[in-house]
């Protein structure tokens, strides 16, 4: 009887050891399978806008342009409008697709004409800005707060016709 008890215990031990080893090996195998691939770095939102607005299309030839200060959805200057317009200007220059006018350098010229980069974006005002700065295209933007950031909706507008040549929107998270 003692021999039978030892044989039963030995059998239970062997089964336990076998299950334990299988668990260890399967964990190692699953660990290899779960290795994550390096994530592609996400493109910052304003760089996405610059890429989208500067993509070659049926119309584009190098054009002189200026980025106006982004307004809110009521046509008033947005608290983030100036910085977002500056950052988009920088990203557009990096894309080397347009001849971008410096916003700060042209502020004085516009002021002398009774205009500014944060003027309302009606067609008549856009034409005046275009004439003063000798640009064929203007980028305007609307900034709309949403949760912990803002939606930035941009338009590439041909001054002569008032047509929107390209438009895009991104969400920019604002850290408190």
Protein backbone atom coordinates (compact mmCIF):
# COMPACT_ATOMS: atom_id res chain seq x y z
CA UNK A 1 0.00 0.00 0.00
CA UNK A 2 2.83 2.37 0.85
CA UNK A 3 4.29 1.67 -2.56
CA UNK A 4 0.97 2.55 -4.26
CA UNK A 5 0.79 5.88 -2.39
CA UNK A 6 4.34 6.73 -3.43
CA UNK A 7 3.59 5.77 -7.01
CA UNK A 8 0.46 8.02 -7.04
CA UNK A 9 2.40 10.95 -5.55
CA UNK A 10 5.20 10.43 -8.06
CA UNK A 11 2.65 10.44 -10.90
CA UNK A 12 1.06 13.66 -9.60
CA UNK A 13 4.50 15.28 -9.31
CA UNK A 14 5.41 14.30 -12.87
CA UNK A 15 2.14 15.68 -14.24
CA UNK A 16 2.62 18.91 -12.26
CA UNK A 17 6.22 19.27 -13.50
CA UNK A 18 5.13 18.64 -17.09
CA UNK A 19 2.34 21.24 -16.88
CA UNK A 20 4.74 23.73 -15.26
CA UNK A 21 7.36 23.27 -17.99
CA UNK A 22 4.73 23.61 -20.71
CA UNK A 23 3.53 26.83 -19.09
CA UNK A 24 7.06 28.26 -18.93
CA UNK A 25 7.83 27.40 -22.56
CA UNK A 26 4.52 28.71 -23.83
CA UNK A 27 5.04 31.96 -21.90
CA UNK A 28 8.43 32.37 -23.56
CA UNK A 29 6.91 31.72 -26.96
CA UNK A 30 4.04 34.15 -26.38
CA UNK A 31 6.52 36.75 -25.15
CA UNK A 32 8.35 36.59 -28.45
CA UNK A 33 5.12 36.95 -30.36
CA UNK A 34 4.05 40.02 -28.42
CA UNK A 35 7.10 42.09 -29.26
CA UNK A 36 5.83 45.35 -30.64
CA UNK A 37 7.11 46.85 -33.79
CA UNK A 38 8.46 50.35 -33.42
CA UNK A 39 5.68 52.84 -34.08
CA UNK A 40 6.07 55.31 -36.87
CA UNK A 41 6.50 58.75 -35.36
CA UNK A 42 3.27 60.66 -35.75
CA UNK A 43 3.43 63.81 -37.83
CA UNK A 44 2.65 66.95 -35.84
CA UNK A 45 -0.70 68.48 -36.86
CA UNK A 46 0.64 71.72 -38.33
CA UNK A 47 3.20 69.80 -40.37
CA UNK A 48 0.30 67.69 -41.69
CA UNK A 49 -1.42 70.90 -42.76
CA UNK A 50 1.73 72.16 -44.46
CA UNK A 51 2.13 68.89 -46.36
CA UNK A 52 -1.52 68.91 -47.42
CA UNK A 53 -1.56 72.54 -48.51
CA UNK A 54 1.71 72.30 -50.41
CA UNK A 55 1.01 69.08 -52.31
CA UNK A 56 1.36 69.54 -56.02
CA UNK A 57 -1.89 69.69 -57.88
CA UNK A 58 -3.34 70.71 -61.20
CA UNK A 59 -2.85 74.42 -60.49
CA UNK A 60 0.18 74.98 -58.38
CA UNK A 61 3.24 76.73 -59.57
CA UNK A 62 5.47 78.49 -57.08
CA UNK A 63 3.28 81.32 -55.80
CA UNK A 64 3.94 84.16 -53.41
CA UNK A 65 1.73 83.80 -50.40
CA UNK A 66 1.20 84.97 -46.87
CA UNK A 67 -0.51 83.22 -43.97
CA UNK A 68 -3.06 85.45 -42.25
CA UNK A 69 -3.68 85.28 -38.51
CA UNK A 70 -6.26 82.58 -37.82
CA UNK A 71 -9.62 83.81 -36.58
CA UNK A 72 -12.33 82.21 -34.47
CA UNK A 73 -15.62 81.06 -35.99
CA UNK A 74 -17.12 84.54 -35.42
CA UNK A 75 -14.39 86.25 -37.46
CA UNK A 76 -12.55 87.65 -34.43
CA UNK A 77 -8.89 87.13 -33.61
CA UNK A 78 -8.40 83.78 -31.89
CA UNK A 79 -6.17 83.56 -28.80
CA UNK A 80 -4.15 80.89 -30.61
CA UNK A 81 -4.50 82.38 -34.09
CA UNK A 82 -1.19 84.19 -34.28
CA UNK A 83 1.01 81.38 -32.98
CA UNK A 84 -0.71 78.76 -35.15
CA UNK A 85 -0.30 80.97 -38.23
CA UNK A 86 3.40 81.48 -37.40
CA UNK A 87 3.98 77.77 -36.94
CA UNK A 88 2.18 76.94 -40.18
CA UNK A 89 4.29 79.59 -41.97
CA UNK A 90 7.44 77.89 -40.70
CA UNK A 91 6.23 74.44 -41.79
CA UNK A 92 5.32 75.74 -45.26
CA UNK A 93 8.77 77.28 -45.68
CA UNK A 94 10.29 73.88 -44.83
CA UNK A 95 8.25 72.28 -47.64
CA UNK A 96 9.89 74.65 -50.18
CA UNK A 97 6.78 74.73 -52.37
CA UNK A 98 5.76 78.40 -52.19
CA UNK A 99 7.44 81.77 -51.88
CA UNK A 100 6.31 82.62 -48.35
CA UNK A 101 6.26 86.22 -47.16
CA UNK A 102 7.38 86.87 -43.61
CA UNK A 103 4.42 87.86 -41.48
CA UNK A 104 6.27 90.22 -39.17
CA UNK A 105 8.20 91.99 -41.94
CA UNK A 106 4.99 92.72 -43.88
CA UNK A 107 2.90 93.86 -40.93
CA UNK A 108 4.16 97.46 -41.32
CA UNK A 109 3.33 97.58 -45.05
CA UNK A 110 -0.19 96.37 -44.34
CA UNK A 111 -0.63 98.82 -41.46
CA UNK A 112 0.24 101.74 -43.76
CA UNK A 113 -2.54 100.57 -46.09
CA UNK A 114 -5.01 100.34 -43.20
CA UNK A 115 -4.89 96.54 -43.14
CA UNK A 116 -3.37 93.85 -40.95
CA UNK A 117 -2.73 90.12 -40.93
CA UNK A 118 -5.71 89.69 -38.62
CA UNK A 119 -8.11 91.64 -40.85
CA UNK A 120 -11.51 90.11 -41.60
CA UNK A 121 -11.33 87.59 -44.43
CA UNK A 122 -14.05 88.89 -46.71
CA UNK A 123 -13.22 88.82 -50.42
CA UNK A 124 -12.69 92.59 -50.77
CA UNK A 125 -10.23 92.69 -47.86
CA UNK A 126 -8.35 89.66 -49.18
CA UNK A 127 -8.00 91.37 -52.56
CA UNK A 128 -6.62 94.53 -50.91
CA UNK A 129 -4.10 92.45 -48.94
CA UNK A 130 -3.16 90.65 -52.16
CA UNK A 131 -2.61 93.94 -54.01
CA UNK A 132 -0.55 95.51 -51.22
CA UNK A 133 1.69 92.45 -50.71
CA UNK A 134 1.65 91.39 -54.38
CA UNK A 135 0.60 87.85 -53.53
CA UNK A 136 -1.60 85.57 -55.61
CA UNK A 137 -2.58 83.22 -52.81
CA UNK A 138 -3.47 83.67 -49.14
CA UNK A 139 -3.89 81.09 -46.42
CA UNK A 140 -6.65 81.76 -43.93
CA UNK A 141 -7.64 79.73 -40.92
CA UNK A 142 -10.43 79.29 -38.43
CA UNK A 143 -9.65 78.05 -34.91
CA UNK A 144 -12.47 76.31 -33.03
CA UNK A 145 -11.98 75.20 -29.40
CA UNK A 146 -12.95 71.60 -28.70
CA UNK A 147 -12.32 69.68 -25.46
CA UNK A 148 -8.61 69.99 -24.60
CA UNK A 149 -7.50 71.53 -27.89
CA UNK A 150 -8.58 73.30 -31.05
CA UNK A 151 -9.59 72.37 -34.57
CA UNK A 152 -7.59 74.35 -37.11
CA UNK A 153 -9.38 74.64 -40.44
CA UNK A 154 -7.23 76.19 -43.18
CA UNK A 155 -7.95 77.36 -46.70
CA UNK A 156 -5.62 78.18 -49.55
CA UNK A 157 -7.46 80.94 -51.43
CA UNK A 158 -6.67 82.35 -54.86
CA UNK A 159 -7.08 86.10 -54.49
CA UNK A 160 -8.04 86.89 -58.09
CA UNK A 161 -11.05 84.57 -58.11
CA UNK A 162 -11.75 84.06 -54.41
CA UNK A 163 -11.77 80.30 -55.02
CA UNK A 164 -10.62 77.88 -52.35
CA UNK A 165 -7.85 75.89 -54.00
CA UNK A 166 -7.18 73.57 -51.08
CA UNK A 167 -8.52 73.12 -47.58
CA UNK A 168 -7.68 70.91 -44.65
CA UNK A 169 -8.37 70.57 -40.95
CA UNK A 170 -6.35 69.19 -38.05
CA UNK A 171 -6.86 68.91 -34.32
CA UNK A 172 -4.17 70.50 -32.16
CA UNK A 173 -4.05 69.49 -28.52
CA UNK A 174 -3.42 72.42 -26.18
CA UNK A 175 -1.56 71.56 -22.97
CA UNK A 176 -3.02 73.51 -20.05
